[in-house]
C-alpha cells in the first residue's frame, strides 16, 4: 500500500476527511521505522502485515483506542469476561513452577478473572497456591494477593474476580479471610446481605475485587450430595445414556471433599499450628460475592436463573460443549 492508497483509505473508509497525503506519508514512515527500522522515506509501501499493525495500533490509528464503548450498566452476568485458568502456572500443569508473575502478565493483558488453587503448606500453618497432586512448586498465597492488588487495574478499571479452588481446613479458611481483608481493604466487594439477589453492573464495580468460591459448608456436604446422586434413576440424567460424563465434575468434588477431610485430620494432630484470630476478620463465607458450585442434578435445572440469588456454575469443557448443543438458549440468553 502506497502513501496515496493509504490516504484514500483514511478519507473513504475511516472518514478522516481532513487527512492529507502528507499525513499518510508520515504514518507510513512511522510504521516502517517501527517495524523495519528504516530511517528515511524512499517511496516504500506498506506490506499487509504493516497495514494490520497500523490498523490495530492505538498510537498510530487514533480512531481505534482502548476505550470501552459498550453499555456497562447491565448485571455482570450479561457479559463475556476475559478469564484465566490456573493463572499462577509458569508452564505445564504437572511440573512447572507456580508464581505471581503469570498473574501480573495476565492482568496487564486485561484478564478480569484470576484462578487460585489453595492448599495447606508443608507445615499446615499457612496457605500455598499450587496445582494440587502434581509436582508443581508452590507460591505463597499472600504474594499472589499483593501482586493482584498492585496490578489489578493496570489495563482496565472494571472489576477483577478471584476464583478460589479451596482445599483448606476451617482454620486456614479463616486465615485466608484475614489475608484477603487486610490486603484489599476497601477494594474488596462484600455483599451487604448473605447472598446477592442480582449481580451488580460492571459500571458499579469499577476498581473492585470480588471473591468467588464454594461456601465452606458445601465441602462438608459434598459426600452426602454424591451419595444422593447415586440414588437417582439414570433417566434423570441430562445426558441420557452418558451419565458418567455429566457427573465427572461431581467425582472431582468428592475428591476435593476427601482431601478437605484428610487435611482436617492432619490439622487436629498438629499441636504447633498457630491459632488465627478470625474474630477480627470477616468470616470466610461473608467474603464470597459470587458463590460457586458444580452440577448436583439435572443440568437444565442448574442453568435456571434463580430470582433470589446469584451463582457461578462450573462445567468441564466437554460438558459445556454438549450443553451448548442441548441448552444453548439457557447458556446465552
C-alpha atoms as a PDB file:
ATOM      1  CA  UNK A   1       0.000   0.000   0.000  1.00  0.00           C
ATOM      2  CA  UNK A   2       1.481   3.329  -1.092  1.00  0.00           C
ATOM      3  CA  UNK A   3       1.043   6.640   0.691  1.00  0.00           C
ATOM      4  CA  UNK A   4      -1.593   7.659  -1.880  1.00  0.00           C
ATOM      5  CA  UNK A   5      -3.567   4.450  -1.293  1.00  0.00           C
ATOM      6  CA  UNK A   6      -3.311   4.877   2.472  1.00  0.00           C
ATOM      7  CA  UNK A   7      -4.598   8.429   2.076  1.00  0.00           C
ATOM      8  CA  UNK A   8      -7.665   7.177   0.196  1.00  0.00           C
ATOM      9  CA  UNK A   9      -8.253   4.629   2.975  1.00  0.00           C
ATOM     10  CA  UNK A  10      -8.098   7.352   5.629  1.00  0.00           C
ATOM     11  CA  UNK A  11     -10.614   9.522   3.798  1.00  0.00           C
ATOM     12  CA  UNK A  12     -13.004   6.988   2.247  1.00  0.00           C
ATOM     13  CA  UNK A  13     -13.013   4.199   4.856  1.00  0.00           C
ATOM     14  CA  UNK A  14     -12.160   5.806   8.183  1.00  0.00           C
ATOM     15  CA  UNK A  15     -13.937   9.059   7.417  1.00  0.00           C
ATOM     16  CA  UNK A  16     -10.970  11.309   8.125  1.00  0.00           C
ATOM     17  CA  UNK A  17     -11.964  13.981   5.618  1.00  0.00           C
ATOM     18  CA  UNK A  18      -9.250  16.379   6.729  1.00  0.00           C
ATOM     19  CA  UNK A  19      -6.407  13.909   6.150  1.00  0.00           C
ATOM     20  CA  UNK A  20      -3.760  14.872   3.584  1.00  0.00           C
ATOM     21  CA  UNK A  21      -1.314  12.812   1.560  1.00  0.00           C
ATOM     22  CA  UNK A  22       1.441  14.201   3.775  1.00  0.00           C
ATOM     23  CA  UNK A  23      -0.371  12.716   6.799  1.00  0.00           C
ATOM     24  CA  UNK A  24      -0.422   9.318   5.100  1.00  0.00           C
ATOM     25  CA  UNK A  25       3.280   9.643   4.274  1.00  0.00           C
ATOM     26  CA  UNK A  26       4.046  10.393   7.924  1.00  0.00           C
ATOM     27  CA  UNK A  27       2.063   7.345   9.070  1.00  0.00           C
ATOM     28  CA  UNK A  28       3.819   5.152   6.519  1.00  0.00           C
ATOM     29  CA  UNK A  29       7.211   6.403   7.699  1.00  0.00           C
ATOM     30  CA  UNK A  30       6.380   5.753  11.371  1.00  0.00           C
ATOM     31  CA  UNK A  31       5.234   2.198  10.624  1.00  0.00           C
ATOM     32  CA  UNK A  32       8.350   1.415   8.589  1.00  0.00           C
ATOM     33  CA  UNK A  33      10.627   2.920  11.224  1.00  0.00           C
ATOM     34  CA  UNK A  34       8.969   0.934  13.984  1.00  0.00           C
ATOM     35  CA  UNK A  35       8.770  -2.394  12.168  1.00  0.00           C
ATOM     36  CA  UNK A  36      11.755  -2.295   9.813  1.00  0.00           C
ATOM     37  CA  UNK A  37      13.987   0.410  11.353  1.00  0.00           C
ATOM     38  CA  UNK A  38      14.041   2.438   8.141  1.00  0.00           C
ATOM     39  CA  UNK A  39      15.338   5.918   8.872  1.00  0.00           C
ATOM     40  CA  UNK A  40      14.318   7.578   5.614  1.00  0.00           C
ATOM     41  CA  UNK A  41      11.240   7.553   3.444  1.00  0.00           C
ATOM     42  CA  UNK A  42      12.157   6.243  -0.007  1.00  0.00           C
ATOM     43  CA  UNK A  43       8.863   5.633  -1.765  1.00  0.00           C
ATOM     44  CA  UNK A  44       8.372   2.494   0.283  1.00  0.00           C
ATOM     45  CA  UNK A  45       4.965   0.891   0.688  1.00  0.00           C
ATOM     46  CA  UNK A  46       3.248  -0.978   3.493  1.00  0.00           C
ATOM     47  CA  UNK A  47       3.002  -4.750   3.361  1.00  0.00           C
ATOM     48  CA  UNK A  48      -0.190  -6.466   4.504  1.00  0.00           C
ATOM     49  CA  UNK A  49       1.369  -7.131   7.930  1.00  0.00           C
ATOM     50  CA  UNK A  50       2.466  -3.489   8.159  1.00  0.00           C
ATOM     51  CA  UNK A  51      -1.073  -2.360   7.390  1.00  0.00           C
ATOM     52  CA  UNK A  52      -2.539  -4.702  10.030  1.00  0.00           C
ATOM     53  CA  UNK A  53      -0.058  -3.300  12.548  1.00  0.00           C
ATOM     54  CA  UNK A  54      -1.236   0.202  11.730  1.00  0.00           C
ATOM     55  CA  UNK A  55      -4.923  -0.723  11.961  1.00  0.00           C
ATOM     56  CA  UNK A  56      -4.613  -2.109  15.489  1.00  0.00           C
ATOM     57  CA  UNK A  57      -2.177   0.463  16.843  1.00  0.00           C
ATOM     58  CA  UNK A  58      -3.810   2.854  19.301  1.00  0.00           C
ATOM     59  CA  UNK A  59      -0.865   5.251  18.870  1.00  0.00           C
ATOM     60  CA  UNK A  60      -0.827   5.395  15.062  1.00  0.00           C
ATOM     61  CA  UNK A  61      -4.546   4.980  14.391  1.00  0.00           C
ATOM     62  CA  UNK A  62      -6.491   7.215  16.817  1.00  0.00           C
ATOM     63  CA  UNK A  63      -9.997   6.123  15.700  1.00  0.00           C
ATOM     64  CA  UNK A  64      -9.197   2.754  17.299  1.00  0.00           C
ATOM     65  CA  UNK A  65      -8.380   3.034  21.001  1.00  0.00           C
ATOM     66  CA  UNK A  66      -8.822   1.112  24.228  1.00  0.00           C
ATOM     67  CA  UNK A  67     -11.920   2.935  25.463  1.00  0.00           C
ATOM     68  CA  UNK A  68     -14.985   0.858  26.308  1.00  0.00           C
ATOM     69  CA  UNK A  69     -17.930   1.954  24.183  1.00  0.00           C
ATOM     70  CA  UNK A  70     -20.441  -0.694  25.268  1.00  0.00           C
ATOM     71  CA  UNK A  71     -23.225  -0.253  27.804  1.00  0.00           C
ATOM     72  CA  UNK A  72     -21.689  -1.445  31.087  1.00  0.00           C
ATOM     73  CA  UNK A  73     -24.765  -0.907  33.287  1.00  0.00           C
ATOM     74  CA  UNK A  74     -26.326  -4.379  32.907  1.00  0.00           C
ATOM     75  CA  UNK A  75     -25.746  -7.115  35.536  1.00  0.00           C
ATOM     76  CA  UNK A  76     -22.269  -8.656  35.460  1.00  0.00           C
ATOM     77  CA  UNK A  77     -23.646 -11.993  34.239  1.00  0.00           C
ATOM     78  CA  UNK A  78     -24.738 -10.363  30.958  1.00  0.00           C
ATOM     79  CA  UNK A  79     -21.149 -10.040  29.727  1.00  0.00           C
ATOM     80  CA  UNK A  80     -18.455 -12.328  28.380  1.00  0.00           C
ATOM     81  CA  UNK A  81     -15.499 -11.950  30.749  1.00  0.00           C
ATOM     82  CA  UNK A  82     -11.810 -12.374  29.871  1.00  0.00           C
ATOM     83  CA  UNK A  83     -10.966 -15.317  32.136  1.00  0.00           C
ATOM     84  CA  UNK A  84      -7.758 -17.078  33.149  1.00  0.00           C
ATOM     85  CA  UNK A  85      -7.327 -20.725  34.159  1.00  0.00           C
ATOM     86  CA  UNK A  86      -4.611 -21.885  36.576  1.00  0.00           C
ATOM     87  CA  UNK A  87      -3.434 -18.288  36.368  1.00  0.00           C
ATOM     88  CA  UNK A  88      -0.384 -18.912  38.574  1.00  0.00           C
ATOM     89  CA  UNK A  89       1.404 -21.537  36.426  1.00  0.00           C
ATOM     90  CA  UNK A  90       4.600 -20.582  34.607  1.00  0.00           C
ATOM     91  CA  UNK A  91       4.427 -23.615  32.311  1.00  0.00           C
ATOM     92  CA  UNK A  92       2.788 -27.035  32.138  1.00  0.00           C
ATOM     93  CA  UNK A  93       0.250 -28.243  34.699  1.00  0.00           C
ATOM     94  CA  UNK A  94       2.348 -31.124  36.040  1.00  0.00           C
ATOM     95  CA  UNK A  95       5.840 -29.919  36.887  1.00  0.00           C
ATOM     96  CA  UNK A  96       6.221 -26.176  36.298  1.00  0.00           C
ATOM     97  CA  UNK A  97       6.730 -23.525  38.968  1.00  0.00           C
ATOM     98  CA  UNK A  98       3.872 -21.541  40.457  1.00  0.00           C
ATOM     99  CA  UNK A  99       4.429 -17.793  40.606  1.00  0.00           C
ATOM    100  CA  UNK A 100       2.725 -14.427  40.766  1.00  0.00           C
ATOM    101  CA  UNK A 101       4.477 -13.402  37.522  1.00  0.00           C
ATOM    102  CA  UNK A 102       1.921 -15.069  35.167  1.00  0.00           C
ATOM    103  CA  UNK A 103      -0.849 -13.418  37.193  1.00  0.00           C
ATOM    104  CA  UNK A 104       0.740  -9.994  36.729  1.00  0.00           C
ATOM    105  CA  UNK A 105       1.155 -10.581  32.984  1.00  0.00           C
ATOM    106  CA  UNK A 106      -2.469 -11.700  32.680  1.00  0.00           C
ATOM    107  CA  UNK A 107      -3.779  -8.627  34.496  1.00  0.00           C
ATOM    108  CA  UNK A 108      -1.677  -6.363  32.279  1.00  0.00           C
ATOM    109  CA  UNK A 109      -3.312  -8.026  29.257  1.00  0.00           C
ATOM    110  CA  UNK A 110      -6.731  -7.190  30.671  1.00  0.00           C
ATOM    111  CA  UNK A 111      -7.712 -10.564  32.166  1.00  0.00           C
ATOM    112  CA  UNK A 112     -10.544  -9.988  34.652  1.00  0.00           C
ATOM    113  CA  UNK A 113     -10.867 -13.428  36.293  1.00  0.00           C
ATOM    114  CA  UNK A 114      -7.887 -14.973  38.099  1.00  0.00           C
ATOM    115  CA  UNK A 115      -7.987 -18.540  39.411  1.00  0.00           C
ATOM    116  CA  UNK A 116      -6.026 -19.608  42.506  1.00  0.00           C
ATOM    117  CA  UNK A 117      -5.862 -23.183  43.834  1.00  0.00           C
ATOM    118  CA  UNK A 118      -5.421 -23.036  47.615  1.00  0.00           C
ATOM    119  CA  UNK A 119      -3.700 -25.804  49.596  1.00  0.00           C
ATOM    120  CA  UNK A 120      -2.128 -26.034  53.071  1.00  0.00           C
ATOM    121  CA  UNK A 121       1.640 -25.556  53.010  1.00  0.00           C
ATOM    122  CA  UNK A 122       4.028 -28.316  54.083  1.00  0.00           C
ATOM    123  CA  UNK A 123       3.703 -27.422  57.783  1.00  0.00           C
ATOM    124  CA  UNK A 124      -0.056 -26.865  57.510  1.00  0.00           C
ATOM    125  CA  UNK A 125       0.144 -23.456  59.168  1.00  0.00           C
ATOM    126  CA  UNK A 126      -0.129 -21.284  56.053  1.00  0.00           C
ATOM    127  CA  UNK A 127      -1.635 -21.288  52.556  1.00  0.00           C
ATOM    128  CA  UNK A 128       0.119 -22.026  49.268  1.00  0.00           C
ATOM    129  CA  UNK A 129      -1.066 -21.709  45.683  1.00  0.00           C
ATOM    130  CA  UNK A 130      -0.292 -24.718  43.501  1.00  0.00           C
ATOM    131  CA  UNK A 131      -1.811 -27.263  41.145  1.00  0.00           C
ATOM    132  CA  UNK A 132      -2.749 -29.985  43.610  1.00  0.00           C
ATOM    133  CA  UNK A 133      -1.452 -33.552  43.458  1.00  0.00           C
ATOM    134  CA  UNK A 134       1.245 -32.647  40.928  1.00  0.00           C
ATOM    135  CA  UNK A 135       4.944 -31.756  41.046  1.00  0.00           C
ATOM    136  CA  UNK A 136       4.335 -28.026  40.631  1.00  0.00           C
ATOM    137  CA  UNK A 137       6.376 -25.863  43.022  1.00  0.00           C
ATOM    138  CA  UNK A 138       4.114 -23.682  45.221  1.00  0.00           C
ATOM    139  CA  UNK A 139       3.963 -19.932  45.701  1.00  0.00           C
ATOM    140  CA  UNK A 140       2.637 -18.258  48.854  1.00  0.00           C
ATOM    141  CA  UNK A 141      -0.935 -17.004  48.644  1.00  0.00           C
ATOM    142  CA  UNK A 142      -0.084 -13.665  50.232  1.00  0.00           C
ATOM    143  CA  UNK A 143       2.417 -12.948  47.448  1.00  0.00           C
ATOM    144  CA  UNK A 144      -0.258 -13.564  44.811  1.00  0.00           C
ATOM    145  CA  UNK A 145      -2.781 -11.374  46.629  1.00  0.00           C
ATOM    146  CA  UNK A 146      -0.349  -8.461  46.900  1.00  0.00           C
ATOM    147  CA  UNK A 147       0.508  -8.697  43.201  1.00  0.00           C
ATOM    148  CA  UNK A 148      -3.177  -8.761  42.273  1.00  0.00           C
ATOM    149  CA  UNK A 149      -3.773  -5.648  44.354  1.00  0.00           C
ATOM    150  CA  UNK A 150      -0.890  -3.823  42.683  1.00  0.00           C
ATOM    151  CA  UNK A 151      -1.723  -4.745  39.079  1.00  0.00           C
ATOM    152  CA  UNK A 152      -5.483  -5.461  39.065  1.00  0.00           C
ATOM    153  CA  UNK A 153      -6.432  -2.256  37.280  1.00  0.00           C
ATOM    154  CA  UNK A 154      -3.341  -1.535  35.216  1.00  0.00           C
ATOM    155  CA  UNK A 155      -5.209  -2.398  31.992  1.00  0.00           C
ATOM    156  CA  UNK A 156      -8.859  -1.912  32.929  1.00  0.00           C
ATOM    157  CA  UNK A 157     -10.911  -0.174  35.591  1.00  0.00           C
ATOM    158  CA  UNK A 158     -13.546  -2.899  35.598  1.00  0.00           C
ATOM    159  CA  UNK A 159     -13.747  -5.467  38.420  1.00  0.00           C
ATOM    160  CA  UNK A 160     -11.415  -8.388  38.964  1.00  0.00           C
ATOM    161  CA  UNK A 161     -12.915 -11.680  40.127  1.00  0.00           C
ATOM    162  CA  UNK A 162     -10.676 -14.067  42.075  1.00  0.00           C
ATOM    163  CA  UNK A 163     -11.955 -17.633  41.925  1.00  0.00           C
ATOM    164  CA  UNK A 164     -10.638 -19.811  44.732  1.00  0.00           C
ATOM    165  CA  UNK A 165     -10.381 -23.584  44.405  1.00  0.00           C
ATOM    166  CA  UNK A 166     -10.317 -24.211  48.133  1.00  0.00           C
ATOM    167  CA  UNK A 167      -8.769 -27.334  49.714  1.00  0.00           C
ATOM    168  CA  UNK A 168      -8.337 -25.850  53.185  1.00  0.00           C
ATOM    169  CA  UNK A 169      -9.272 -26.578  56.775  1.00  0.00           C
ATOM    170  CA  UNK A 170     -11.620 -24.168  58.594  1.00  0.00           C
ATOM    171  CA  UNK A 171      -8.691 -22.553  60.445  1.00  0.00           C
ATOM    172  CA  UNK A 172      -6.838 -21.897  57.211  1.00  0.00           C
ATOM    173  CA  UNK A 173     -10.030 -20.566  55.636  1.00  0.00           C
ATOM    174  CA  UNK A 174     -10.179 -18.064  58.495  1.00  0.00           C
ATOM    175  CA  UNK A 175      -6.569 -17.153  57.769  1.00  0.00           C
ATOM    176  CA  UNK A 176      -7.405 -16.608  54.091  1.00  0.00           C
ATOM    177  CA  UNK A 177     -10.284 -14.334  55.110  1.00  0.00           C
ATOM    178  CA  UNK A 178      -7.877 -12.311  57.216  1.00  0.00           C
ATOM    179  CA  UNK A 179      -5.283 -12.048  54.425  1.00  0.00           C
ATOM    180  CA  UNK A 180      -7.851 -11.088  51.794  1.00  0.00           C
ATOM    181  CA  UNK A 181      -9.438  -8.445  54.021  1.00  0.00           C
ATOM    182  CA  UNK A 182      -6.148  -6.892  55.091  1.00  0.00           C
ATOM    183  CA  UNK A 183      -4.653  -6.947  51.581  1.00  0.00           C
ATOM    184  CA  UNK A 184      -7.540  -5.463  49.597  1.00  0.00           C
ATOM    185  CA  UNK A 185      -9.259  -3.320  52.218  1.00  0.00           C
ATOM    186  CA  UNK A 186     -11.848  -1.037  50.612  1.00  0.00           C
ATOM    187  CA  UNK A 187     -11.130  -2.536  47.188  1.00  0.00           C
ATOM    188  CA  UNK A 188     -12.894  -5.727  48.298  1.00  0.00           C
ATOM    189  CA  UNK A 189     -16.549  -6.018  47.327  1.00  0.00           C
ATOM    190  CA  UNK A 190     -18.550  -7.772  50.033  1.00  0.00           C
ATOM    191  CA  UNK A 191     -22.297  -8.386  49.682  1.00  0.00           C
ATOM    192  CA  UNK A 192     -24.433  -6.401  52.105  1.00  0.00           C
ATOM    193  CA  UNK A 193     -26.661  -9.430  52.645  1.00  0.00           C
ATOM    194  CA  UNK A 194     -25.767 -13.106  52.954  1.00  0.00           C
ATOM    195  CA  UNK A 195     -26.499 -13.637  49.270  1.00  0.00           C
ATOM    196  CA  UNK A 196     -26.761 -11.236  46.345  1.00  0.00           C
ATOM    197  CA  UNK A 197     -30.134 -11.323  44.615  1.00  0.00           C
ATOM    198  CA  UNK A 198     -28.723  -9.871  41.390  1.00  0.00           C
ATOM    199  CA  UNK A 199     -25.263  -9.254  40.005  1.00  0.00           C
ATOM    200  CA  UNK A 200     -24.176  -5.604  40.205  1.00  0.00           C
ATOM    201  CA  UNK A 201     -23.183  -3.918  36.946  1.00  0.00           C
ATOM    202  CA  UNK A 202     -19.529  -3.610  35.885  1.00  0.00           C
ATOM    203  CA  UNK A 203     -20.021   0.157  35.927  1.00  0.00           C
ATOM    204  CA  UNK A 204     -20.861  -0.037  39.651  1.00  0.00           C
ATOM    205  CA  UNK A 205     -17.940  -2.372  40.380  1.00  0.00           C
ATOM    206  CA  UNK A 206     -15.090  -0.311  38.968  1.00  0.00           C
ATOM    207  CA  UNK A 207     -11.835  -0.816  40.894  1.00  0.00           C
ATOM    208  CA  UNK A 208     -13.398  -3.594  42.984  1.00  0.00           C
ATOM    209  CA  UNK A 209     -12.166  -7.103  43.787  1.00  0.00           C
ATOM    210  CA  UNK A 210     -14.761  -9.897  44.016  1.00  0.00           C
ATOM    211  CA  UNK A 211     -14.206 -13.322  45.576  1.00  0.00           C
ATOM    212  CA  UNK A 212     -15.868 -16.402  44.099  1.00  0.00           C
ATOM    213  CA  UNK A 213     -15.707 -19.876  45.627  1.00  0.00           C
ATOM    214  CA  UNK A 214     -17.944 -22.518  47.136  1.00  0.00           C
ATOM    215  CA  UNK A 215     -19.310 -21.739  50.609  1.00  0.00           C
ATOM    216  CA  UNK A 216     -17.376 -23.754  53.223  1.00  0.00           C
ATOM    217  CA  UNK A 217     -20.270 -25.986  54.243  1.00  0.00           C
ATOM    218  CA  UNK A 218     -20.541 -27.341  50.706  1.00  0.00           C
ATOM    219  CA  UNK A 219     -17.214 -29.084  51.108  1.00  0.00           C
ATOM    220  CA  UNK A 220     -18.521 -30.923  54.160  1.00  0.00           C
ATOM    221  CA  UNK A 221     -21.724 -31.856  52.346  1.00  0.00           C
ATOM    222  CA  UNK A 222     -20.056 -32.963  49.108  1.00  0.00           C
ATOM    223  CA  UNK A 223     -20.008 -36.646  50.042  1.00  0.00           C
ATOM    224  CA  UNK A 224     -23.672 -36.560  51.068  1.00  0.00           C
ATOM    225  CA  UNK A 225     -24.639 -34.940  47.771  1.00  0.00           C
ATOM    226  CA  UNK A 226     -22.655 -37.541  45.870  1.00  0.00           C
ATOM    227  CA  UNK A 227     -24.448 -40.376  47.640  1.00  0.00           C
ATOM    228  CA  UNK A 228     -27.820 -38.820  46.843  1.00  0.00           C
ATOM    229  CA  UNK A 229     -26.888 -38.531  43.180  1.00  0.00           C
ATOM    230  CA  UNK A 230     -26.048 -42.239  43.041  1.00  0.00           C
ATOM    231  CA  UNK A 231     -29.621 -42.998  44.088  1.00  0.00           C
ATOM    232  CA  UNK A 232     -31.120 -41.054  41.188  1.00  0.00           C
ATOM    233  CA  UNK A 233     -32.527 -43.024  38.284  1.00  0.00           C
ATOM    234  CA  UNK A 234     -30.296 -42.872  35.215  1.00  0.00           C
ATOM    235  CA  UNK A 235     -33.244 -41.474  33.218  1.00  0.00           C
ATOM    236  CA  UNK A 236     -32.993 -38.292  35.252  1.00  0.00           C
ATOM    237  CA  UNK A 237     -29.503 -37.631  33.957  1.00  0.00           C
ATOM    238  CA  UNK A 238     -29.313 -34.867  31.372  1.00  0.00           C
ATOM    239  CA  UNK A 239     -27.103 -36.881  29.021  1.00  0.00           C
ATOM    240  CA  UNK A 240     -29.370 -39.940  28.974  1.00  0.00           C
ATOM    241  CA  UNK A 241     -27.049 -42.806  28.146  1.00  0.00           C
ATOM    242  CA  UNK A 242     -23.921 -40.852  29.080  1.00  0.00           C
ATOM    243  CA  UNK A 243     -24.306 -40.092  32.806  1.00  0.00           C
ATOM    244  CA  UNK A 244     -20.625 -40.569  33.578  1.00  0.00           C
ATOM    245  CA  UNK A 245     -19.640 -37.546  31.510  1.00  0.00           C
ATOM    246  CA  UNK A 246     -22.070 -35.295  33.324  1.00  0.00           C
ATOM    247  CA  UNK A 247     -21.011 -36.477  36.771  1.00  0.00           C
ATOM    248  CA  UNK A 248     -17.273 -36.232  36.162  1.00  0.00           C
ATOM    249  CA  UNK A 249     -17.280 -32.860  37.899  1.00  0.00           C
ATOM    250  CA  UNK A 250     -19.099 -34.402  40.858  1.00  0.00           C
ATOM    251  CA  UNK A 251     -16.387 -37.046  41.171  1.00  0.00           C
ATOM    252  CA  UNK A 252     -13.843 -34.234  41.354  1.00  0.00           C
ATOM    253  CA  UNK A 253     -15.956 -32.660  44.078  1.00  0.00           C
ATOM    254  CA  UNK A 254     -15.900 -35.898  46.063  1.00  0.00           C
ATOM    255  CA  UNK A 255     -12.125 -35.979  45.785  1.00  0.00           C
ATOM    256  CA  UNK A 256     -11.950 -32.381  46.984  1.00  0.00           C
ATOM    257  CA  UNK A 257     -14.151 -33.259  49.939  1.00  0.00           C
ATOM    258  CA  UNK A 258     -11.968 -36.229  50.863  1.00  0.00           C
ATOM    259  CA  UNK A 259      -8.892 -34.016  50.676  1.00  0.00           C
ATOM    260  CA  UNK A 260     -10.517 -31.482  52.969  1.00  0.00           C
ATOM    261  CA  UNK A 261     -11.422 -34.174  55.487  1.00  0.00           C
ATOM    262  CA  UNK A 262      -7.877 -35.528  55.402  1.00  0.00           C
ATOM    263  CA  UNK A 263      -6.475 -32.053  55.906  1.00  0.00           C
ATOM    264  CA  UNK A 264      -8.747 -31.628  58.915  1.00  0.00           C
ATOM    265  CA  UNK A 265      -7.382 -34.848  60.438  1.00  0.00           C
ATOM    266  CA  UNK A 266      -3.824 -33.690  59.849  1.00  0.00           C
ATOM    267  CA  UNK A 267      -4.599 -30.338  61.384  1.00  0.00           C
ATOM    268  CA  UNK A 268      -6.044 -31.874  64.541  1.00  0.00           C
ATOM    269  CA  UNK A 269      -2.860 -33.874  65.055  1.00  0.00           C
ATOM    270  CA  UNK A 270      -0.600 -30.843  64.621  1.00  0.00           C
ATOM    271  CA  UNK A 271      -0.014 -29.372  68.061  1.00  0.00           C
ATOM    272  CA  UNK A 272       2.082 -26.495  66.746  1.00  0.00           C
ATOM    273  CA  UNK A 273      -0.388 -24.883  64.353  1.00  0.00           C
ATOM    274  CA  UNK A 274      -0.877 -21.246  65.419  1.00  0.00           C
ATOM    275  CA  UNK A 275      -4.350 -20.009  66.216  1.00  0.00           C
ATOM    276  CA  UNK A 276      -5.870 -17.438  63.856  1.00  0.00           C
ATOM    277  CA  UNK A 277      -7.913 -14.652  65.389  1.00  0.00           C
ATOM    278  CA  UNK A 278     -10.834 -14.962  62.986  1.00  0.00           C
ATOM    279  CA  UNK A 279     -12.965 -12.660  65.153  1.00  0.00           C
ATOM    280  CA  UNK A 280     -11.032  -9.680  63.784  1.00  0.00           C
ATOM    281  CA  UNK A 281     -11.659 -10.564  60.156  1.00  0.00           C
ATOM    282  CA  UNK A 282     -14.980 -11.137  58.409  1.00  0.00           C
ATOM    283  CA  UNK A 283     -15.895 -14.790  58.153  1.00  0.00           C
ATOM    284  CA  UNK A 284     -14.661 -16.660  55.117  1.00  0.00           C
ATOM    285  CA  UNK A 285     -18.188 -17.176  53.852  1.00  0.00           C
ATOM    286  CA  UNK A 286     -19.074 -13.484  54.134  1.00  0.00           C
ATOM    287  CA  UNK A 287     -16.294 -12.603  51.669  1.00  0.00           C
ATOM    288  CA  UNK A 288     -17.868 -14.660  48.888  1.00  0.00           C
ATOM    289  CA  UNK A 289     -19.571 -12.308  46.449  1.00  0.00           C
ATOM    290  CA  UNK A 290     -20.235 -14.997  43.833  1.00  0.00           C
ATOM    291  CA  UNK A 291     -20.953 -18.474  45.253  1.00  0.00           C
ATOM    292  CA  UNK A 292     -19.511 -21.204  43.063  1.00  0.00           C
ATOM    293  CA  UNK A 293     -20.819 -24.689  42.577  1.00  0.00           C
ATOM    294  CA  UNK A 294     -20.885 -27.776  40.416  1.00  0.00           C
ATOM    295  CA  UNK A 295     -23.716 -29.822  38.971  1.00  0.00           C
ATOM    296  CA  UNK A 296     -25.662 -31.752  41.606  1.00  0.00           C
ATOM    297  CA  UNK A 297     -28.621 -32.790  39.446  1.00  0.00           C
ATOM    298  CA  UNK A 298     -30.062 -32.149  36.011  1.00  0.00           C
ATOM    299  CA  UNK A 299     -28.081 -29.607  34.017  1.00  0.00           C
ATOM    300  CA  UNK A 300     -31.195 -27.853  32.737  1.00  0.00           C
ATOM    301  CA  UNK A 301     -32.237 -27.185  36.326  1.00  0.00           C
ATOM    302  CA  UNK A 302     -28.743 -25.972  37.206  1.00  0.00           C
ATOM    303  CA  UNK A 303     -28.847 -23.457  34.340  1.00  0.00           C
ATOM    304  CA  UNK A 304     -32.037 -21.815  35.578  1.00  0.00           C
ATOM    305  CA  UNK A 305     -31.744 -18.247  36.825  1.00  0.00           C
ATOM    306  CA  UNK A 306     -32.899 -18.145  40.425  1.00  0.00           C
ATOM    307  CA  UNK A 307     -34.734 -14.907  41.273  1.00  0.00           C
ATOM    308  CA  UNK A 308     -33.354 -14.573  44.800  1.00  0.00           C
ATOM    309  CA  UNK A 309     -29.635 -15.375  44.462  1.00  0.00           C
ATOM    310  CA  UNK A 310     -26.643 -15.352  42.130  1.00  0.00           C
ATOM    311  CA  UNK A 311     -24.256 -18.219  41.456  1.00  0.00           C
ATOM    312  CA  UNK A 312     -21.352 -19.407  39.308  1.00  0.00           C
ATOM    313  CA  UNK A 313     -21.674 -22.842  37.715  1.00  0.00           C
ATOM    314  CA  UNK A 314     -18.501 -24.760  36.824  1.00  0.00           C
ATOM    315  CA  UNK A 315     -18.550 -27.066  33.804  1.00  0.00           C
ATOM    316  CA  UNK A 316     -15.819 -29.089  32.159  1.00  0.00           C
ATOM    317  CA  UNK A 317     -15.049 -28.209  28.550  1.00  0.00           C
ATOM    318  CA  UNK A 318     -16.711 -31.425  27.382  1.00  0.00           C
ATOM    319  CA  UNK A 319     -19.863 -30.785  29.409  1.00  0.00           C
ATOM    320  CA  UNK A 320     -20.003 -27.171  28.234  1.00  0.00           C
ATOM    321  CA  UNK A 321     -19.702 -28.258  24.604  1.00  0.00           C
ATOM    322  CA  UNK A 322     -22.611 -30.665  24.996  1.00  0.00           C
ATOM    323  CA  UNK A 323     -24.634 -28.114  26.934  1.00  0.00           C
ATOM    324  CA  UNK A 324     -24.356 -25.610  24.082  1.00  0.00           C
ATOM    325  CA  UNK A 325     -25.956 -28.175  21.778  1.00  0.00           C
ATOM    326  CA  UNK A 326     -28.824 -29.124  24.080  1.00  0.00           C
ATOM    327  CA  UNK A 327     -29.348 -25.922  26.064  1.00  0.00           C
ATOM    328  CA  UNK A 328     -27.794 -23.130  24.019  1.00  0.00           C
ATOM    329  CA  UNK A 329     -30.555 -20.629  24.785  1.00  0.00           C
ATOM    330  CA  UNK A 330     -30.115 -21.251  28.513  1.00  0.00           C
ATOM    331  CA  UNK A 331     -26.384 -20.552  28.291  1.00  0.00           C
ATOM    332  CA  UNK A 332     -26.588 -17.436  26.102  1.00  0.00           C
ATOM    333  CA  UNK A 333     -29.820 -15.537  26.578  1.00  0.00           C
END
